[in-house]
Protein backbone atom coordinates (compact mmCIF):
# COMPACT_ATOMS: atom_id res chain seq x y z
CA UNK A 1 0.70 7.65 5.11
CA UNK A 2 0.65 7.34 1.31
CA UNK A 3 -2.08 5.42 -0.48
CA UNK A 4 -1.50 3.00 -3.36
CA UNK A 5 -2.81 -0.05 -5.14
CA UNK A 6 -1.43 -3.57 -5.09
CA UNK A 7 -0.10 -4.47 -8.56
CA UNK A 8 0.80 -8.09 -7.82
CA UNK A 9 1.63 -10.46 -4.99
CA UNK A 10 3.42 -13.78 -4.75
CA UNK A 11 2.27 -16.76 -2.68
CA UNK A 12 5.15 -16.00 -0.29
CA UNK A 13 3.73 -12.53 0.46
CA UNK A 14 6.04 -10.32 -1.57
CA UNK A 15 4.77 -7.97 -4.27
CA UNK A 16 4.63 -4.51 -5.77
CA UNK A 17 2.54 -1.43 -5.00
CA UNK A 18 1.69 1.39 -7.39
CA UNK A 19 2.27 4.45 -5.25
CA UNK A 20 3.04 8.09 -5.78
CA UNK A 21 5.52 8.82 -7.32
CA UNK A 22 6.95 5.29 -7.76
CA UNK A 23 6.30 1.57 -7.69
CA UNK A 24 7.37 0.10 -4.35
CA UNK A 25 8.44 -3.41 -3.41
CA UNK A 26 6.58 -4.73 -0.40
CA UNK A 27 7.53 -7.19 2.28
CA UNK A 28 5.41 -9.68 4.20
CA UNK A 29 4.41 -7.32 7.02
CA UNK A 30 0.86 -6.52 5.92
CA UNK A 31 -2.16 -6.57 8.18
CA UNK A 32 -4.39 -9.03 6.38
CA UNK A 33 -3.22 -10.37 3.03
CA UNK A 34 -3.51 -7.73 0.30
CA UNK A 35 -4.31 -9.04 -3.16
CA UNK A 36 -4.09 -7.48 -6.60
CA UNK A 37 -6.23 -4.35 -6.85
CA UNK A 38 -6.57 -3.71 -3.09
CA UNK A 39 -6.19 -0.11 -1.99
CA UNK A 40 -3.68 0.17 0.84
CA UNK A 41 -1.97 2.70 3.07
CA UNK A 42 1.71 2.19 3.78
CA UNK A 43 4.91 3.79 5.01
CA UNK A 44 8.05 4.04 2.89
CA UNK A 45 11.29 2.82 4.44
CA UNK A 46 14.75 2.70 2.91
CA UNK A 47 16.08 -0.88 2.94
CA UNK A 48 19.58 -1.41 1.51
CA UNK A 49 19.35 2.01 -0.15
CA UNK A 50 16.03 1.30 -1.91
CA UNK A 51 12.53 2.43 -0.95
CA UNK A 52 10.21 -0.30 0.31
CA UNK A 53 6.59 -0.23 1.37
CA UNK A 54 6.19 -1.27 5.00
CA UNK A 55 3.39 -1.25 7.61
CA UNK A 56 0.69 -1.97 5.02
CA UNK A 57 -2.98 -1.54 5.90
CA UNK A 58 -5.81 -2.53 3.56
CA UNK A 59 -8.35 0.31 3.31
CA UNK A 60 -11.84 0.55 1.91
CA UNK A 61 -11.81 2.99 -1.05
CA UNK A 62 -15.43 3.98 -0.35
CA UNK A 63 -14.55 4.89 3.23
CA UNK A 64 -11.52 6.87 2.03
CA UNK A 65 -13.67 8.83 -0.42
CA UNK A 66 -16.09 9.67 2.39
CA UNK A 67 -13.26 10.82 4.68
CA UNK A 68 -11.87 13.01 1.90
CA UNK A 69 -15.34 14.44 1.25
CA UNK A 70 -15.95 15.24 4.92
CA UNK A 71 -12.48 16.41 5.97
CA UNK A 72 -10.95 17.43 2.65
CA UNK A 73 -7.94 15.81 1.07
């Protein structure tokens, strides 16, 4: 699952995610409501021939750093 940061969201739940290697459009399927600056994990799905971020999960960047330190990246 790739990791990215929320660039912006709309009140309706749509928005954009800065991921690697692209910026992805996101739908309203997030667990919780991600806001600008949140670190998230997501899957990439092709919708109408374009990549979209789906299955979003907000993650704690401190916890991710600890996991990477313990288990390697």
